Amino acid sequence: MSILSRYSLGLEPEQAQLVCLDVEGFPFESYWHFVYPVGKHLSIAARAFMDFSRVEAKSVVLSTFAQRAR
């Protein structure tokens, strides 16, 4: 038995014969951090990803969990 991020299991954990259990107190609230060297100029794609993540990540995660619960 192990505790893994739901997203580390891929889109269909059942295909890998894995089972996701509903456990009281889960999921843990977690935080994402973006780390890059001081003075590093990010590519347009990297900046766009960071901007998207800051605005949309929480709603994407919540909607994915809601879809899985159905």
PDB file of N, CA and C in Angstrom:
ATOM      1  N   MET A   1       0.849  -1.156   0.000  1.00  0.00           N
ATOM      2  CA  MET A   1       0.000   0.000   0.000  1.00  0.00           C
ATOM      3  C   MET A   1       0.900   1.225   0.000  1.00  0.00           C
ATOM      4  N   SER A   2       0.437   2.268  -0.680  1.00  0.00           N
ATOM      5  CA  SER A   2       1.231   3.481  -0.764  1.00  0.00           C
ATOM      6  C   SER A   2       0.310   4.681  -0.930  1.00  0.00           C
ATOM      7  N   ILE A   3       0.792   5.837  -0.551  1.00  0.00           N
ATOM      8  CA  ILE A   3       0.082   7.089  -0.797  1.00  0.00           C
ATOM      9  C   ILE A   3       0.799   7.776  -1.946  1.00  0.00           C
ATOM     10  N   LEU A   4       0.076   7.965  -3.033  1.00  0.00           N
ATOM     11  CA  LEU A   4       0.623   8.619  -4.217  1.00  0.00           C
ATOM     12  C   LEU A   4      -0.304   9.738  -4.647  1.00  0.00           C
ATOM     13  N   SER A   5       0.237  10.712  -5.310  1.00  0.00           N
ATOM     14  CA  SER A   5      -0.587  11.734  -5.926  1.00  0.00           C
ATOM     15  C   SER A   5      -1.458  11.077  -6.981  1.00  0.00           C
ATOM     16  N   ARG A   6      -2.716  11.441  -7.029  1.00  0.00           N
ATOM     17  CA  ARG A   6      -3.631  10.878  -8.032  1.00  0.00           C
ATOM     18  C   ARG A   6      -3.073  11.103  -9.430  1.00  0.00           C
ATOM     19  N   TYR A   7      -2.442  12.214  -9.642  1.00  0.00           N
ATOM     20  CA  TYR A   7      -1.924  12.546 -10.971  1.00  0.00           C
ATOM     21  C   TYR A   7      -0.695  11.736 -11.343  1.00  0.00           C
ATOM     22  N   SER A   8      -0.016  11.163 -10.367  1.00  0.00           N
ATOM     23  CA  SER A   8       1.139  10.331 -10.694  1.00  0.00           C
ATOM     24  C   SER A   8       0.703   8.973 -11.246  1.00  0.00           C
ATOM     25  N   LEU A   9      -0.584   8.655 -11.118  1.00  0.00           N
ATOM     26  CA  LEU A   9      -1.095   7.376 -11.586  1.00  0.00           C
ATOM     27  C   LEU A   9      -1.530   7.393 -13.041  1.00  0.00           C
ATOM     28  N   GLY A  10      -1.570   8.560 -13.654  1.00  0.00           N
ATOM     29  CA  GLY A  10      -2.004   8.650 -15.036  1.00  0.00           C
ATOM     30  C   GLY A  10      -3.517   8.768 -15.127  1.00  0.00           C
ATOM     31  N   LEU A  11      -4.019   8.721 -16.347  1.00  0.00           N
ATOM     32  CA  LEU A  11      -5.441   8.938 -16.573  1.00  0.00           C
ATOM     33  C   LEU A  11      -6.307   7.754 -16.163  1.00  0.00           C
ATOM     34  N   GLU A  12      -5.809   6.551 -16.329  1.00  0.00           N
ATOM     35  CA  GLU A  12      -6.604   5.355 -16.058  1.00  0.00           C
ATOM     36  C   GLU A  12      -5.830   4.370 -15.174  1.00  0.00           C
ATOM     37  N   PRO A  13      -5.785   4.597 -13.867  1.00  0.00           N
ATOM     38  CA  PRO A  13      -5.024   3.690 -12.994  1.00  0.00           C
ATOM     39  C   PRO A  13      -5.568   2.260 -13.018  1.00  0.00           C
ATOM     40  N   GLU A  14      -6.850   2.113 -13.356  1.00  0.00           N
ATOM     41  CA  GLU A  14      -7.446   0.782 -13.395  1.00  0.00           C
ATOM     42  C   GLU A  14      -6.774  -0.107 -14.442  1.00  0.00           C
ATOM     43  N   GLN A  15      -6.304   0.486 -15.533  1.00  0.00           N
ATOM     44  CA  GLN A  15      -5.627  -0.289 -16.578  1.00  0.00           C
ATOM     45  C   GLN A  15      -4.336  -0.903 -16.052  1.00  0.00           C
ATOM     46  N   ALA A  16      -3.722  -0.285 -15.062  1.00  0.00           N
ATOM     47  CA  ALA A  16      -2.506  -0.817 -14.449  1.00  0.00           C
ATOM     48  C   ALA A  16      -2.856  -1.667 -13.221  1.00  0.00           C
ATOM     49  N   GLN A  17      -4.130  -2.001 -13.083  1.00  0.00           N
ATOM     50  CA  GLN A  17      -4.643  -2.801 -11.968  1.00  0.00           C
ATOM     51  C   GLN A  17      -4.381  -2.133 -10.617  1.00  0.00           C
ATOM     52  N   LEU A  18      -4.556  -0.813 -10.586  1.00  0.00           N
ATOM     53  CA  LEU A  18      -4.435  -0.053  -9.347  1.00  0.00           C
ATOM     54  C   LEU A  18      -5.822   0.380  -8.897  1.00  0.00           C
ATOM     55  N   VAL A  19      -5.997   0.524  -7.604  1.00  0.00           N
ATOM     56  CA  VAL A  19      -7.278   0.923  -7.042  1.00  0.00           C
ATOM     57  C   VAL A  19      -7.073   2.190  -6.229  1.00  0.00           C
ATOM     58  N   CYS A  20      -7.952   3.168  -6.440  1.00  0.00           N
ATOM     59  CA  CYS A  20      -7.927   4.401  -5.647  1.00  0.00           C
ATOM     60  C   CYS A  20      -8.995   4.289  -4.567  1.00  0.00           C
ATOM     61  N   LEU A  21      -8.583   4.423  -3.331  1.00  0.00           N
ATOM     62  CA  LEU A  21      -9.500   4.293  -2.201  1.00  0.00           C
ATOM     63  C   LEU A  21      -9.913   5.663  -1.685  1.00  0.00           C
ATOM     64  N   ASP A  22     -11.155   5.765  -1.240  1.00  0.00           N
ATOM     65  CA  ASP A  22     -11.607   6.974  -0.569  1.00  0.00           C
ATOM     66  C   ASP A  22     -11.206   6.853   0.900  1.00  0.00           C
ATOM     67  N   VAL A  23     -10.388   7.776   1.368  1.00  0.00           N
ATOM     68  CA  VAL A  23      -9.881   7.727   2.734  1.00  0.00           C
ATOM     69  C   VAL A  23     -10.217   9.046   3.423  1.00  0.00           C
ATOM     70  N   GLU A  24     -10.775   8.946   4.620  1.00  0.00           N
ATOM     71  CA  GLU A  24     -11.113  10.143   5.368  1.00  0.00           C
ATOM     72  C   GLU A  24      -9.859  10.996   5.579  1.00  0.00           C
ATOM     73  N   GLY A  25      -9.992  12.304   5.335  1.00  0.00           N
ATOM     74  CA  GLY A  25      -8.867  13.221   5.507  1.00  0.00           C
ATOM     75  C   GLY A  25      -8.048  13.419   4.249  1.00  0.00           C
ATOM     76  N   PHE A  26      -8.394  12.706   3.189  1.00  0.00           N
ATOM     77  CA  PHE A  26      -7.692  12.855   1.917  1.00  0.00           C
ATOM     78  C   PHE A  26      -8.625  13.504   0.920  1.00  0.00           C
ATOM     79  N   PRO A  27      -8.166  14.177  -0.084  1.00  0.00           N
ATOM     80  CA  PRO A  27      -6.751  14.360  -0.378  1.00  0.00           C
ATOM     81  C   PRO A  27      -6.145  15.442   0.509  1.00  0.00           C
ATOM     82  N   PHE A  28      -4.834  15.333   0.684  1.00  0.00           N
ATOM     83  CA  PHE A  28      -4.102  16.374   1.389  1.00  0.00           C
ATOM     84  C   PHE A  28      -4.115  17.634   0.551  1.00  0.00           C
ATOM     85  N   GLU A  29      -4.173  18.775   1.212  1.00  0.00           N
ATOM     86  CA  GLU A  29      -4.004  20.016   0.466  1.00  0.00           C
ATOM     87  C   GLU A  29      -2.513  20.190   0.241  1.00  0.00           C
ATOM     88  N   SER A  30      -2.152  20.446  -0.977  1.00  0.00           N
ATOM     89  CA  SER A  30      -0.729  20.619  -1.275  1.00  0.00           C
ATOM     90  C   SER A  30      -0.516  21.908  -2.053  1.00  0.00           C
ATOM     91  N   TYR A  31       0.706  22.300  -2.123  1.00  0.00           N
ATOM     92  CA  TYR A  31       1.070  23.531  -2.803  1.00  0.00           C
ATOM     93  C   TYR A  31       2.087  23.221  -3.882  1.00  0.00           C
ATOM     94  N   TRP A  32       1.986  23.932  -4.968  1.00  0.00           N
ATOM     95  CA  TRP A  32       2.949  23.794  -6.053  1.00  0.00           C
ATOM     96  C   TRP A  32       3.898  24.974  -5.995  1.00  0.00           C
ATOM     97  N   HIS A  33       5.149  24.703  -6.272  1.00  0.00           N
ATOM     98  CA  HIS A  33       6.153  25.760  -6.282  1.00  0.00           C
ATOM     99  C   HIS A  33       6.891  25.712  -7.613  1.00  0.00           C
ATOM    100  N   PHE A  34       7.115  26.862  -8.173  1.00  0.00           N
ATOM    101  CA  PHE A  34       7.910  26.964  -9.387  1.00  0.00           C
ATOM    102  C   PHE A  34       9.302  27.431  -8.984  1.00  0.00           C
ATOM    103  N   VAL A  35      10.300  26.696  -9.397  1.00  0.00           N
ATOM    104  CA  VAL A  35      11.671  27.013  -9.014  1.00  0.00           C
ATOM    105  C   VAL A  35      12.519  27.097 -10.270  1.00  0.00           C
ATOM    106  N   TYR A  36      13.263  28.173 -10.378  1.00  0.00           N
ATOM    107  CA  TYR A  36      14.206  28.330 -11.480  1.00  0.00           C
ATOM    108  C   TYR A  36      15.299  29.279 -11.014  1.00  0.00           C
ATOM    109  N   PRO A  37      16.475  29.201 -11.642  1.00  0.00           N
ATOM    110  CA  PRO A  37      17.617  30.003 -11.181  1.00  0.00           C
ATOM    111  C   PRO A  37      17.346  31.511 -11.241  1.00  0.00           C
ATOM    112  N   VAL A  38      17.870  32.214 -10.254  1.00  0.00           N
ATOM    113  CA  VAL A  38      17.777  33.673 -10.234  1.00  0.00           C
ATOM    114  C   VAL A  38      18.423  34.215 -11.508  1.00  0.00           C
ATOM    115  N   GLY A  39      17.760  35.146 -12.134  1.00  0.00           N
ATOM    116  CA  GLY A  39      18.294  35.751 -13.344  1.00  0.00           C
ATOM    117  C   GLY A  39      17.979  34.965 -14.612  1.00  0.00           C
ATOM    118  N   LYS A  40      17.370  33.805 -14.467  1.00  0.00           N
ATOM    119  CA  LYS A  40      17.024  32.983 -15.622  1.00  0.00           C
ATOM    120  C   LYS A  40      15.836  33.617 -16.338  1.00  0.00           C
ATOM    121  N   HIS A  41      15.955  33.783 -17.638  1.00  0.00           N
ATOM    122  CA  HIS A  41      14.849  34.291 -18.436  1.00  0.00           C
ATOM    123  C   HIS A  41      14.052  33.096 -18.938  1.00  0.00           C
ATOM    124  N   LEU A  42      12.814  33.025 -18.528  1.00  0.00           N
ATOM    125  CA  LEU A  42      11.977  31.894 -18.911  1.00  0.00           C
ATOM    126  C   LEU A  42      11.534  32.019 -20.370  1.00  0.00           C
ATOM    127  N   SER A  43      11.374  30.861 -20.995  1.00  0.00           N
ATOM    128  CA  SER A  43      10.855  30.853 -22.367  1.00  0.00           C
ATOM    129  C   SER A  43       9.396  31.310 -22.335  1.00  0.00           C
ATOM    130  N   ILE A  44       8.876  31.660 -23.473  1.00  0.00           N
ATOM    131  CA  ILE A  44       7.477  32.070 -23.567  1.00  0.00           C
ATOM    132  C   ILE A  44       6.575  30.921 -23.104  1.00  0.00           C
ATOM    133  N   ALA A  45       6.909  29.701 -23.499  1.00  0.00           N
ATOM    134  CA  ALA A  45       6.102  28.539 -23.110  1.00  0.00           C
ATOM    135  C   ALA A  45       6.133  28.331 -21.594  1.00  0.00           C
ATOM    136  N   ALA A  46       7.305  28.451 -20.981  1.00  0.00           N
ATOM    137  CA  ALA A  46       7.423  28.270 -19.533  1.00  0.00           C
ATOM    138  C   ALA A  46       6.639  29.346 -18.794  1.00  0.00           C
ATOM    139  N   ARG A  47       6.740  30.573 -19.236  1.00  0.00           N
ATOM    140  CA  ARG A  47       5.998  31.676 -18.607  1.00  0.00           C
ATOM    141  C   ARG A  47       4.495  31.452 -18.763  1.00  0.00           C
ATOM    142  N   ALA A  48       4.060  31.021 -19.951  1.00  0.00           N
ATOM    143  CA  ALA A  48       2.634  30.770 -20.192  1.00  0.00           C
ATOM    144  C   ALA A  48       2.135  29.647 -19.285  1.00  0.00           C
ATOM    145  N   PHE A  49       2.935  28.594 -19.117  1.00  0.00           N
ATOM    146  CA  PHE A  49       2.549  27.496 -18.237  1.00  0.00           C
ATOM    147  C   PHE A  49       2.409  27.975 -16.795  1.00  0.00           C
ATOM    148  N   MET A  50       3.362  28.755 -16.334  1.00  0.00           N
ATOM    149  CA  MET A  50       3.294  29.275 -14.962  1.00  0.00           C
ATOM    150  C   MET A  50       2.072  30.166 -14.779  1.00  0.00           C
ATOM    151  N   ASP A  51       1.807  31.034 -15.742  1.00  0.00           N
ATOM    152  CA  ASP A  51       0.647  31.917 -15.650  1.00  0.00           C
ATOM    153  C   ASP A  51      -0.647  31.111 -15.637  1.00  0.00           C
ATOM    154  N   PHE A  52      -0.746  30.131 -16.535  1.00  0.00           N
ATOM    155  CA  PHE A  52      -1.917  29.273 -16.590  1.00  0.00           C
ATOM    156  C   PHE A  52      -2.097  28.543 -15.258  1.00  0.00           C
ATOM    157  N   SER A  53      -1.021  27.978 -14.747  1.00  0.00           N
ATOM    158  CA  SER A  53      -1.092  27.199 -13.509  1.00  0.00           C
ATOM    159  C   SER A  53      -1.559  28.044 -12.341  1.00  0.00           C
ATOM    160  N   ARG A  54      -1.064  29.244 -12.257  1.00  0.00           N
ATOM    161  CA  ARG A  54      -1.456  30.120 -11.152  1.00  0.00           C
ATOM    162  C   ARG A  54      -2.944  30.451 -11.197  1.00  0.00           C
ATOM    163  N   VAL A  55      -3.493  30.584 -12.388  1.00  0.00           N
ATOM    164  CA  VAL A  55      -4.887  30.983 -12.537  1.00  0.00           C
ATOM    165  C   VAL A  55      -5.831  29.782 -12.551  1.00  0.00           C
ATOM    166  N   GLU A  56      -5.451  28.729 -13.256  1.00  0.00           N
ATOM    167  CA  GLU A  56      -6.381  27.644 -13.555  1.00  0.00           C
ATOM    168  C   GLU A  56      -6.159  26.324 -12.821  1.00  0.00           C
ATOM    169  N   ALA A  57      -5.017  26.111 -12.237  1.00  0.00           N
ATOM    170  CA  ALA A  57      -4.678  24.783 -11.706  1.00  0.00           C
ATOM    171  C   ALA A  57      -5.705  24.264 -10.711  1.00  0.00           C
ATOM    172  N   LYS A  58      -6.122  25.065  -9.767  1.00  0.00           N
ATOM    173  CA  LYS A  58      -7.045  24.586  -8.742  1.00  0.00           C
ATOM    174  C   LYS A  58      -8.367  24.139  -9.359  1.00  0.00           C
ATOM    175  N   SER A  59      -8.909  24.915 -10.297  1.00  0.00           N
ATOM    176  CA  SER A  59     -10.179  24.524 -10.901  1.00  0.00           C
ATOM    177  C   SER A  59     -10.026  23.276 -11.765  1.00  0.00           C
ATOM    178  N   VAL A  60      -8.877  23.101 -12.420  1.00  0.00           N
ATOM    179  CA  VAL A  60      -8.632  21.901 -13.214  1.00  0.00           C
ATOM    180  C   VAL A  60      -8.585  20.675 -12.308  1.00  0.00           C
ATOM    181  N   VAL A  61      -7.875  20.770 -11.217  1.00  0.00           N
ATOM    182  CA  VAL A  61      -7.764  19.650 -10.280  1.00  0.00           C
ATOM    183  C   VAL A  61      -9.128  19.310  -9.697  1.00  0.00           C
ATOM    184  N   LEU A  62      -9.868  20.303  -9.242  1.00  0.00           N
ATOM    185  CA  LEU A  62     -11.169  20.050  -8.637  1.00  0.00           C
ATOM    186  C   LEU A  62     -12.151  19.453  -9.636  1.00  0.00           C
ATOM    187  N   SER A  63     -12.157  19.934 -10.870  1.00  0.00           N
ATOM    188  CA  SER A  63     -13.078  19.377 -11.862  1.00  0.00           C
ATOM    189  C   SER A  63     -12.692  17.954 -12.230  1.00  0.00           C
ATOM    190  N   THR A  64     -11.411  17.643 -12.246  1.00  0.00           N
ATOM    191  CA  THR A  64     -10.973  16.278 -12.544  1.00  0.00           C
ATOM    192  C   THR A  64     -11.422  15.328 -11.449  1.00  0.00           C
ATOM    193  N   PHE A  65     -11.274  15.717 -10.180  1.00  0.00           N
ATOM    194  CA  PHE A  65     -11.720  14.870  -9.077  1.00  0.00           C
ATOM    195  C   PHE A  65     -13.237  14.692  -9.118  1.00  0.00           C
ATOM    196  N   ALA A  66     -13.973  15.747  -9.469  1.00  0.00           N
ATOM    197  CA  ALA A  66     -15.423  15.654  -9.546  1.00  0.00           C
ATOM    198  C   ALA A  66     -15.841  14.680 -10.635  1.00  0.00           C
ATOM    199  N   GLN A  67     -15.163  14.698 -11.774  1.00  0.00           N
ATOM    200  CA  GLN A  67     -15.465  13.769 -12.861  1.00  0.00           C
ATOM    201  C   GLN A  67     -15.158  12.334 -12.459  1.00  0.00           C
ATOM    202  N   ARG A  68     -14.082  12.118 -11.753  1.00  0.00           N
ATOM    203  CA  ARG A  68     -13.695  10.772 -11.329  1.00  0.00           C
ATOM    204  C   ARG A  68     -14.692  10.190 -10.322  1.00  0.00           C
ATOM    205  N   ALA A  69     -15.319  11.060  -9.533  1.00  0.00           N
ATOM    206  CA  ALA A  69     -16.244  10.602  -8.500  1.00  0.00           C
ATOM    207  C   ALA A  69     -17.548  10.072  -9.079  1.00  0.00           C
ATOM    208  N   ARG A  70     -17.820  10.403 -10.327  1.00  0.00           N
ATOM    209  CA  ARG A  70     -19.076   9.967 -10.953  1.00  0.00           C
ATOM    210  C   ARG A  70     -19.070   8.520 -11.296  1.00  0.00           C
TER     211      ARG A  70
END
